[in-house]
Amino acid sequence: MFPSEFFSVSADALVEAPTERASDDVSNSNSEAELEDVVPNISLRSINAVITHLPAVEAARGKVTTEMENMVIQGLKDLVSLLTFISNLAGEPI
């Protein structure tokens, strides 16, 4: 459903300066490459306006992570209940 690289990016990597780009990045045009040569990579953590919001972002990330984990656990519990119900109807153990 989602590409595997979607899940391999850490949250800290999203606010740190990128170190290098993927060689197969099709969105990287010549003008972007020229711009990267002129403009240095800047970590979002080094920008004062961002630093003031980091605690709220970290708290929100924790809340979202907890809610998603709870949703997955509840989904698995519901699946077990459904499979048990189907198994009881069929008269065979899972």
PDB file of N, CA and C in Angstrom:
ATOM      1  N   MET A   1       0.830  -1.184   0.000  1.00  0.00           N
ATOM      2  CA  MET A   1       0.000   0.000   0.000  1.00  0.00           C
ATOM      3  C   MET A   1       0.878   1.253   0.000  1.00  0.00           C
ATOM      4  N   PHE A   2       1.838   1.348   0.931  1.00  0.00           N
ATOM      5  CA  PHE A   2       2.755   2.462   0.963  1.00  0.00           C
ATOM      6  C   PHE A   2       4.144   1.954   0.614  1.00  0.00           C
ATOM      7  N   PRO A   3       4.961   2.787  -0.019  1.00  0.00           N
ATOM      8  CA  PRO A   3       6.329   2.344  -0.289  1.00  0.00           C
ATOM      9  C   PRO A   3       7.083   2.148   1.019  1.00  0.00           C
ATOM     10  N   SER A   4       7.998   1.202   1.036  1.00  0.00           N
ATOM     11  CA  SER A   4       8.728   0.888   2.266  1.00  0.00           C
ATOM     12  C   SER A   4       9.537   2.070   2.766  1.00  0.00           C
ATOM     13  N   GLU A   5      10.012   2.938   1.876  1.00  0.00           N
ATOM     14  CA  GLU A   5      10.799   4.069   2.329  1.00  0.00           C
ATOM     15  C   GLU A   5       9.961   5.081   3.093  1.00  0.00           C
ATOM     16  N   PHE A   6       8.625   5.024   2.956  1.00  0.00           N
ATOM     17  CA  PHE A   6       7.738   5.899   3.715  1.00  0.00           C
ATOM     18  C   PHE A   6       7.924   5.674   5.202  1.00  0.00           C
ATOM     19  N   PHE A   7       8.133   4.430   5.605  1.00  0.00           N
ATOM     20  CA  PHE A   7       8.250   4.096   7.014  1.00  0.00           C
ATOM     21  C   PHE A   7       9.681   4.135   7.512  1.00  0.00           C
ATOM     22  N   SER A   8      10.654   4.260   6.628  1.00  0.00           N
ATOM     23  CA  SER A   8      12.042   4.209   7.062  1.00  0.00           C
ATOM     24  C   SER A   8      12.605   5.584   7.423  1.00  0.00           C
ATOM     25  N   VAL A   9      11.821   6.639   7.297  1.00  0.00           N
ATOM     26  CA  VAL A   9      12.294   7.986   7.614  1.00  0.00           C
ATOM     27  C   VAL A   9      12.007   8.272   9.079  1.00  0.00           C
ATOM     28  N   SER A  10      13.045   8.597   9.835  1.00  0.00           N
ATOM     29  CA  SER A  10      12.834   8.924  11.236  1.00  0.00           C
ATOM     30  C   SER A  10      12.303  10.348  11.351  1.00  0.00           C
ATOM     31  N   ALA A  11      11.630  10.620  12.436  1.00  0.00           N
ATOM     32  CA  ALA A  11      11.067  11.957  12.644  1.00  0.00           C
ATOM     33  C   ALA A  11      12.173  12.986  12.761  1.00  0.00           C
ATOM     34  N   ASP A  12      13.285  12.624  13.390  1.00  0.00           N
ATOM     35  CA  ASP A  12      14.392  13.571  13.512  1.00  0.00           C
ATOM     36  C   ASP A  12      14.980  13.922  12.153  1.00  0.00           C
ATOM     37  N   ALA A  13      14.944  12.963  11.232  1.00  0.00           N
ATOM     38  CA  ALA A  13      15.480  13.231   9.901  1.00  0.00           C
ATOM     39  C   ALA A  13      14.659  14.277   9.170  1.00  0.00           C
ATOM     40  N   LEU A  14      13.398  14.422   9.547  1.00  0.00           N
ATOM     41  CA  LEU A  14      12.544  15.398   8.886  1.00  0.00           C
ATOM     42  C   LEU A  14      12.878  16.828   9.274  1.00  0.00           C
ATOM     43  N   VAL A  15      13.478  17.020  10.441  1.00  0.00           N
ATOM     44  CA  VAL A  15      13.820  18.375  10.864  1.00  0.00           C
ATOM     45  C   VAL A  15      15.309  18.664  10.780  1.00  0.00           C
ATOM     46  N   GLU A  16      16.106  17.688  10.462  1.00  0.00           N
ATOM     47  CA  GLU A  16      17.543  17.898  10.289  1.00  0.00           C
ATOM     48  C   GLU A  16      17.833  18.233   8.833  1.00  0.00           C
ATOM     49  N   ALA A  17      18.974  18.837   8.591  1.00  0.00           N
ATOM     50  CA  ALA A  17      19.368  19.163   7.228  1.00  0.00           C
ATOM     51  C   ALA A  17      19.634  17.880   6.452  1.00  0.00           C
ATOM     52  N   PRO A  18      19.167  17.779   5.230  1.00  0.00           N
ATOM     53  CA  PRO A  18      19.435  16.588   4.430  1.00  0.00           C
ATOM     54  C   PRO A  18      20.913  16.500   4.084  1.00  0.00           C
ATOM     55  N   THR A  19      21.428  15.275   4.026  1.00  0.00           N
ATOM     56  CA  THR A  19      22.847  15.109   3.731  1.00  0.00           C
ATOM     57  C   THR A  19      23.094  14.835   2.265  1.00  0.00           C
ATOM     58  N   GLU A  20      22.190  14.092   1.639  1.00  0.00           N
ATOM     59  CA  GLU A  20      22.329  13.840   0.216  1.00  0.00           C
ATOM     60  C   GLU A  20      20.975  13.449  -0.350  1.00  0.00           C
ATOM     61  N   ARG A  21      20.808  13.578  -1.631  1.00  0.00           N
ATOM     62  CA  ARG A  21      19.550  13.244  -2.290  1.00  0.00           C
ATOM     63  C   ARG A  21      19.678  11.894  -2.974  1.00  0.00           C
ATOM     64  N   ALA A  22      18.563  11.248  -3.129  1.00  0.00           N
ATOM     65  CA  ALA A  22      18.542   9.975  -3.842  1.00  0.00           C
ATOM     66  C   ALA A  22      18.891  10.224  -5.303  1.00  0.00           C
ATOM     67  N   SER A  23      19.652   9.342  -5.894  1.00  0.00           N
ATOM     68  CA  SER A  23      20.076   9.533  -7.272  1.00  0.00           C
ATOM     69  C   SER A  23      18.923   9.378  -8.248  1.00  0.00           C
ATOM     70  N   ASP A  24      17.860   8.663  -7.859  1.00  0.00           N
ATOM     71  CA  ASP A  24      16.731   8.447  -8.754  1.00  0.00           C
ATOM     72  C   ASP A  24      15.589   9.426  -8.494  1.00  0.00           C
ATOM     73  N   ASP A  25      15.866  10.557  -7.850  1.00  0.00           N
ATOM     74  CA  ASP A  25      14.836  11.557  -7.561  1.00  0.00           C
ATOM     75  C   ASP A  25      14.489  12.292  -8.850  1.00  0.00           C
ATOM     76  N   VAL A  26      13.312  11.987  -9.409  1.00  0.00           N
ATOM     77  CA  VAL A  26      12.929  12.554 -10.695  1.00  0.00           C
ATOM     78  C   VAL A  26      12.506  14.010 -10.572  1.00  0.00           C
ATOM     79  N   SER A  27      12.203  14.478  -9.352  1.00  0.00           N
ATOM     80  CA  SER A  27      11.768  15.863  -9.188  1.00  0.00           C
ATOM     81  C   SER A  27      12.942  16.835  -9.156  1.00  0.00           C
ATOM     82  N   ASN A  28      14.151  16.331  -9.139  1.00  0.00           N
ATOM     83  CA  ASN A  28      15.332  17.184  -9.045  1.00  0.00           C
ATOM     84  C   ASN A  28      15.706  17.674 -10.442  1.00  0.00           C
ATOM     85  N   SER A  29      15.298  18.883 -10.778  1.00  0.00           N
ATOM     86  CA  SER A  29      15.603  19.443 -12.089  1.00  0.00           C
ATOM     87  C   SER A  29      16.951  20.149 -12.049  1.00  0.00           C
ATOM     88  N   ASN A  30      17.393  20.619 -13.208  1.00  0.00           N
ATOM     89  CA  ASN A  30      18.672  21.327 -13.274  1.00  0.00           C
ATOM     90  C   ASN A  30      18.645  22.593 -12.427  1.00  0.00           C
ATOM     91  N   SER A  31      17.530  23.329 -12.435  1.00  0.00           N
ATOM     92  CA  SER A  31      17.477  24.569 -11.662  1.00  0.00           C
ATOM     93  C   SER A  31      17.546  24.283 -10.166  1.00  0.00           C
ATOM     94  N   GLU A  32      16.950  23.172  -9.718  1.00  0.00           N
ATOM     95  CA  GLU A  32      17.048  22.801  -8.309  1.00  0.00           C
ATOM     96  C   GLU A  32      18.481  22.440  -7.953  1.00  0.00           C
ATOM     97  N   ALA A  33      19.153  21.736  -8.840  1.00  0.00           N
ATOM     98  CA  ALA A  33      20.544  21.355  -8.591  1.00  0.00           C
ATOM     99  C   ALA A  33      21.423  22.594  -8.491  1.00  0.00           C
ATOM    100  N   GLU A  34      21.180  23.566  -9.354  1.00  0.00           N
ATOM    101  CA  GLU A  34      21.948  24.807  -9.305  1.00  0.00           C
ATOM    102  C   GLU A  34      21.663  25.562  -8.008  1.00  0.00           C
ATOM    103  N   LEU A  35      20.416  25.571  -7.570  1.00  0.00           N
ATOM    104  CA  LEU A  35      20.035  26.247  -6.344  1.00  0.00           C
ATOM    105  C   LEU A  35      20.709  25.606  -5.137  1.00  0.00           C
ATOM    106  N   GLU A  36      20.814  24.266  -5.137  1.00  0.00           N
ATOM    107  CA  GLU A  36      21.464  23.568  -4.022  1.00  0.00           C
ATOM    108  C   GLU A  36      22.938  23.926  -3.927  1.00  0.00           C
ATOM    109  N   ASP A  37      23.561  24.241  -5.056  1.00  0.00           N
ATOM    110  CA  ASP A  37      24.964  24.635  -5.034  1.00  0.00           C
ATOM    111  C   ASP A  37      25.140  26.004  -4.375  1.00  0.00           C
ATOM    112  N   VAL A  38      24.139  26.863  -4.477  1.00  0.00           N
ATOM    113  CA  VAL A  38      24.224  28.221  -3.953  1.00  0.00           C
ATOM    114  C   VAL A  38      23.719  28.308  -2.515  1.00  0.00           C
ATOM    115  N   VAL A  39      22.589  27.634  -2.221  1.00  0.00           N
ATOM    116  CA  VAL A  39      21.954  27.718  -0.908  1.00  0.00           C
ATOM    117  C   VAL A  39      22.395  26.519  -0.064  1.00  0.00           C
ATOM    118  N   PRO A  40      22.963  26.771   1.126  1.00  0.00           N
ATOM    119  CA  PRO A  40      23.402  25.643   1.968  1.00  0.00           C
ATOM    120  C   PRO A  40      22.206  24.924   2.591  1.00  0.00           C
ATOM    121  N   ASN A  41      22.417  23.661   2.938  1.00  0.00           N
ATOM    122  CA  ASN A  41      21.394  22.905   3.660  1.00  0.00           C
ATOM    123  C   ASN A  41      21.311  23.440   5.082  1.00  0.00           C
ATOM    124  N   ILE A  42      20.111  23.780   5.514  1.00  0.00           N
ATOM    125  CA  ILE A  42      19.919  24.362   6.841  1.00  0.00           C
ATOM    126  C   ILE A  42      18.987  23.458   7.638  1.00  0.00           C
ATOM    127  N   SER A  43      19.390  23.104   8.835  1.00  0.00           N
ATOM    128  CA  SER A  43      18.546  22.306   9.716  1.00  0.00           C
ATOM    129  C   SER A  43      17.391  23.161  10.219  1.00  0.00           C
ATOM    130  N   LEU A  44      16.184  22.600  10.235  1.00  0.00           N
ATOM    131  CA  LEU A  44      15.040  23.335  10.766  1.00  0.00           C
ATOM    132  C   LEU A  44      15.234  23.670  12.238  1.00  0.00           C
ATOM    133  N   ARG A  45      15.995  22.851  12.954  1.00  0.00           N
ATOM    134  CA  ARG A  45      16.244  23.104  14.371  1.00  0.00           C
ATOM    135  C   ARG A  45      17.096  24.359  14.596  1.00  0.00           C
ATOM    136  N   SER A  46      17.735  24.860  13.560  1.00  0.00           N
ATOM    137  CA  SER A  46      18.557  26.056  13.711  1.00  0.00           C
ATOM    138  C   SER A  46      17.777  27.342  13.457  1.00  0.00           C
ATOM    139  N   ILE A  47      16.497  27.234  13.123  1.00  0.00           N
ATOM    140  CA  ILE A  47      15.662  28.406  12.861  1.00  0.00           C
ATOM    141  C   ILE A  47      14.866  28.731  14.127  1.00  0.00           C
ATOM    142  N   ASN A  48      15.005  29.952  14.638  1.00  0.00           N
ATOM    143  CA  ASN A  48      14.368  30.342  15.898  1.00  0.00           C
ATOM    144  C   ASN A  48      12.860  30.151  15.880  1.00  0.00           C
ATOM    145  N   ALA A  49      12.215  30.477  14.776  1.00  0.00           N
ATOM    146  CA  ALA A  49      10.755  30.338  14.693  1.00  0.00           C
ATOM    147  C   ALA A  49      10.328  28.879  14.812  1.00  0.00           C
ATOM    148  N   VAL A  50      11.161  27.968  14.386  1.00  0.00           N
ATOM    149  CA  VAL A  50      10.857  26.539  14.473  1.00  0.00           C
ATOM    150  C   VAL A  50      11.145  26.015  15.872  1.00  0.00           C
ATOM    151  N   ILE A  51      12.245  26.468  16.457  1.00  0.00           N
ATOM    152  CA  ILE A  51      12.656  25.997  17.786  1.00  0.00           C
ATOM    153  C   ILE A  51      11.548  26.218  18.815  1.00  0.00           C
ATOM    154  N   THR A  52      10.858  27.348  18.721  1.00  0.00           N
ATOM    155  CA  THR A  52       9.810  27.642  19.706  1.00  0.00           C
ATOM    156  C   THR A  52       8.645  26.669  19.617  1.00  0.00           C
ATOM    157  N   HIS A  53       8.452  26.043  18.475  1.00  0.00           N
ATOM    158  CA  HIS A  53       7.327  25.124  18.283  1.00  0.00           C
ATOM    159  C   HIS A  53       7.708  23.646  18.456  1.00  0.00           C
ATOM    160  N   LEU A  54       8.984  23.346  18.607  1.00  0.00           N
ATOM    161  CA  LEU A  54       9.421  21.954  18.716  1.00  0.00           C
ATOM    162  C   LEU A  54       8.778  21.190  19.872  1.00  0.00           C
ATOM    163  N   PRO A  55       8.639  21.769  21.074  1.00  0.00           N
ATOM    164  CA  PRO A  55       7.983  21.007  22.144  1.00  0.00           C
ATOM    165  C   PRO A  55       6.541  20.606  21.785  1.00  0.00           C
ATOM    166  N   ALA A  56       5.812  21.504  21.145  1.00  0.00           N
ATOM    167  CA  ALA A  56       4.438  21.182  20.749  1.00  0.00           C
ATOM    168  C   ALA A  56       4.423  20.107  19.670  1.00  0.00           C
ATOM    169  N   VAL A  57       5.361  20.176  18.746  1.00  0.00           N
ATOM    170  CA  VAL A  57       5.455  19.171  17.683  1.00  0.00           C
ATOM    171  C   VAL A  57       5.793  17.810  18.283  1.00  0.00           C
ATOM    172  N   GLU A  58       6.746  17.776  19.209  1.00  0.00           N
ATOM    173  CA  GLU A  58       7.123  16.517  19.854  1.00  0.00           C
ATOM    174  C   GLU A  58       5.953  15.928  20.635  1.00  0.00           C
ATOM    175  N   ALA A  59       5.201  16.762  21.347  1.00  0.00           N
ATOM    176  CA  ALA A  59       4.039  16.289  22.107  1.00  0.00           C
ATOM    177  C   ALA A  59       2.964  15.757  21.167  1.00  0.00           C
ATOM    178  N   ALA A  60       2.727  16.474  20.081  1.00  0.00           N
ATOM    179  CA  ALA A  60       1.724  16.025  19.107  1.00  0.00           C
ATOM    180  C   ALA A  60       2.144  14.716  18.463  1.00  0.00           C
ATOM    181  N   ARG A  61       3.432  14.583  18.160  1.00  0.00           N
ATOM    182  CA  ARG A  61       3.927  13.339  17.565  1.00  0.00           C
ATOM    183  C   ARG A  61       3.720  12.173  18.527  1.00  0.00           C
ATOM    184  N   GLY A  62       3.983  12.386  19.804  1.00  0.00           N
ATOM    185  CA  GLY A  62       3.770  11.346  20.798  1.00  0.00           C
ATOM    186  C   GLY A  62       2.309  10.946  20.894  1.00  0.00           C
ATOM    187  N   LYS A  63       1.420  11.942  20.862  1.00  0.00           N
ATOM    188  CA  LYS A  63      -0.014  11.657  20.933  1.00  0.00           C
ATOM    189  C   LYS A  63      -0.480  10.879  19.708  1.00  0.00           C
ATOM    190  N   VAL A  64      -0.034  11.293  18.522  1.00  0.00           N
ATOM    191  CA  VAL A  64      -0.415  10.602  17.290  1.00  0.00           C
ATOM    192  C   VAL A  64       0.099   9.165  17.302  1.00  0.00           C
ATOM    193  N   THR A  65       1.338   8.984  17.735  1.00  0.00           N
ATOM    194  CA  THR A  65       1.912   7.641  17.800  1.00  0.00           C
ATOM    195  C   THR A  65       1.108   6.752  18.743  1.00  0.00           C
ATOM    196  N   THR A  66       0.768   7.271  19.909  1.00  0.00           N
ATOM    197  CA  THR A  66      -0.022   6.508  20.882  1.00  0.00           C
ATOM    198  C   THR A  66      -1.390   6.152  20.321  1.00  0.00           C
ATOM    199  N   GLU A  67      -2.051   7.116  19.693  1.00  0.00           N
ATOM    200  CA  GLU A  67      -3.376   6.863  19.120  1.00  0.00           C
ATOM    201  C   GLU A  67      -3.305   5.820  18.002  1.00  0.00           C
ATOM    202  N   MET A  68      -2.295   5.902  17.166  1.00  0.00           N
ATOM    203  CA  MET A  68      -2.151   4.933  16.076  1.00  0.00           C
ATOM    204  C   MET A  68      -1.878   3.537  16.635  1.00  0.00           C
ATOM    205  N   GLU A  69      -1.034   3.445  17.650  1.00  0.00           N
ATOM    206  CA  GLU A  69      -0.771   2.139  18.271  1.00  0.00           C
ATOM    207  C   GLU A  69      -2.052   1.565  18.855  1.00  0.00           C
ATOM    208  N   ASN A  70      -2.843   2.407  19.529  1.00  0.00           N
ATOM    209  CA  ASN A  70      -4.108   1.939  20.100  1.00  0.00           C
ATOM    210  C   ASN A  70      -5.073   1.468  19.020  1.00  0.00           C
ATOM    211  N   MET A  71      -5.098   2.176  17.883  1.00  0.00           N
ATOM    212  CA  MET A  71      -5.970   1.771  16.784  1.00  0.00           C
ATOM    213  C   MET A  71      -5.549   0.420  16.211  1.00  0.00           C
ATOM    214  N   VAL A  72      -4.258   0.201  16.079  1.00  0.00           N
ATOM    215  CA  VAL A  72      -3.762  -1.079  15.559  1.00  0.00           C
ATOM    216  C   VAL A  72      -4.111  -2.206  16.524  1.00  0.00           C
ATOM    217  N   ILE A  73      -3.888  -1.993  17.818  1.00  0.00           N
ATOM    218  CA  ILE A  73      -4.216  -3.014  18.828  1.00  0.00           C
ATOM    219  C   ILE A  73      -5.707  -3.325  18.798  1.00  0.00           C
ATOM    220  N   GLN A  74      -6.550  -2.292  18.735  1.00  0.00           N
ATOM    221  CA  GLN A  74      -7.996  -2.513  18.696  1.00  0.00           C
ATOM    222  C   GLN A  74      -8.396  -3.264  17.423  1.00  0.00           C
ATOM    223  N   GLY A  75      -7.790  -2.922  16.302  1.00  0.00           N
ATOM    224  CA  GLY A  75      -8.068  -3.619  15.046  1.00  0.00           C
ATOM    225  C   GLY A  75      -7.700  -5.086  15.121  1.00  0.00           C
ATOM    226  N   LEU A  76      -6.565  -5.389  15.748  1.00  0.00           N
ATOM    227  CA  LEU A  76      -6.157  -6.788  15.899  1.00  0.00           C
ATOM    228  C   LEU A  76      -7.111  -7.542  16.830  1.00  0.00           C
ATOM    229  N   LYS A  77      -7.553  -6.886  17.890  1.00  0.00           N
ATOM    230  CA  LYS A  77      -8.521  -7.514  18.795  1.00  0.00           C
ATOM    231  C   LYS A  77      -9.823  -7.798  18.058  1.00  0.00           C
ATOM    232  N   ASP A  78     -10.289  -6.833  17.263  1.00  0.00           N
ATOM    233  CA  ASP A  78     -11.511  -7.027  16.491  1.00  0.00           C
ATOM    234  C   ASP A  78     -11.355  -8.171  15.490  1.00  0.00           C
ATOM    235  N   LEU A  79     -10.190  -8.270  14.883  1.00  0.00           N
ATOM    236  CA  LEU A  79      -9.937  -9.347  13.932  1.00  0.00           C
ATOM    237  C   LEU A  79      -9.972 -10.712  14.614  1.00  0.00           C
ATOM    238  N   VAL A  80      -9.364 -10.808  15.788  1.00  0.00           N
ATOM    239  CA  VAL A  80      -9.388 -12.065  16.541  1.00  0.00           C
ATOM    240  C   VAL A  80     -10.822 -12.437  16.903  1.00  0.00           C
ATOM    241  N   SER A  81     -11.604 -11.449  17.334  1.00  0.00           N
ATOM    242  CA  SER A  81     -13.005 -11.712  17.665  1.00  0.00           C
ATOM    243  C   SER A  81     -13.773 -12.199  16.447  1.00  0.00           C
ATOM    244  N   LEU A  82     -13.546 -11.571  15.308  1.00  0.00           N
ATOM    245  CA  LEU A  82     -14.236 -11.973  14.082  1.00  0.00           C
ATOM    246  C   LEU A  82     -13.829 -13.379  13.664  1.00  0.00           C
ATOM    247  N   LEU A  83     -12.550 -13.671  13.719  1.00  0.00           N
ATOM    248  CA  LEU A  83     -12.078 -15.013  13.345  1.00  0.00           C
ATOM    249  C   LEU A  83     -12.613 -16.068  14.307  1.00  0.00           C
ATOM    250  N   THR A  84     -12.691 -15.739  15.579  1.00  0.00           N
ATOM    251  CA  THR A  84     -13.248 -16.673  16.561  1.00  0.00           C
ATOM    252  C   THR A  84     -14.721 -16.921  16.273  1.00  0.00           C
ATOM    253  N   PHE A  85     -15.449 -15.872  15.954  1.00  0.00           N
ATOM    254  CA  PHE A  85     -16.875 -16.001  15.624  1.00  0.00           C
ATOM    255  C   PHE A  85     -17.060 -16.875  14.388  1.00  0.00           C
ATOM    256  N   ILE A  86     -16.275 -16.630  13.362  1.00  0.00           N
ATOM    257  CA  ILE A  86     -16.357 -17.434  12.126  1.00  0.00           C
ATOM    258  C   ILE A  86     -15.999 -18.878  12.417  1.00  0.00           C
ATOM    259  N   SER A  87     -14.983 -19.078  13.232  1.00  0.00           N
ATOM    260  CA  SER A  87     -14.554 -20.434  13.587  1.00  0.00           C
ATOM    261  C   SER A  87     -15.666 -21.159  14.329  1.00  0.00           C
ATOM    262  N   ASN A  88     -16.338 -20.464  15.232  1.00  0.00           N
ATOM    263  CA  ASN A  88     -17.454 -21.083  15.983  1.00  0.00           C
ATOM    264  C   ASN A  88     -18.609 -21.439  15.060  1.00  0.00           C
ATOM    265  N   LEU A  89     -18.864 -20.602  14.058  1.00  0.00           N
ATOM    266  CA  LEU A  89     -19.920 -20.894  13.094  1.00  0.00           C
ATOM    267  C   LEU A  89     -19.593 -22.136  12.262  1.00  0.00           C
ATOM    268  N   ALA A  90     -18.326 -22.241  11.896  1.00  0.00           N
ATOM    269  CA  ALA A  90     -17.882 -23.354  11.062  1.00  0.00           C
ATOM    270  C   ALA A  90     -17.688 -24.633  11.896  1.00  0.00           C
ATOM    271  N   GLY A  91     -17.577 -24.485  13.195  1.00  0.00           N
ATOM    272  CA  GLY A  91     -17.366 -25.644  14.055  1.00  0.00           C
ATOM    273  C   GLY A  91     -15.952 -26.157  14.061  1.00  0.00           C
ATOM    274  N   GLU A  92     -15.026 -25.374  13.538  1.00  0.00           N
ATOM    275  CA  GLU A  92     -13.625 -25.783  13.508  1.00  0.00           C
ATOM    276  C   GLU A  92     -12.782 -24.741  14.239  1.00  0.00           C
ATOM    277  N   PRO A  93     -11.777 -25.183  14.981  1.00  0.00           N
ATOM    278  CA  PRO A  93     -10.898 -24.225  15.668  1.00  0.00           C
ATOM    279  C   PRO A  93     -10.032 -23.487  14.660  1.00  0.00           C
ATOM    280  N   ILE A  94      -9.564 -22.328  15.039  1.00  0.00           N
ATOM    281  CA  ILE A  94      -8.720 -21.516  14.157  1.00  0.00           C
ATOM    282  C   ILE A  94      -7.342 -22.146  14.045  1.00  0.00           C
TER     283      ILE A  94
END
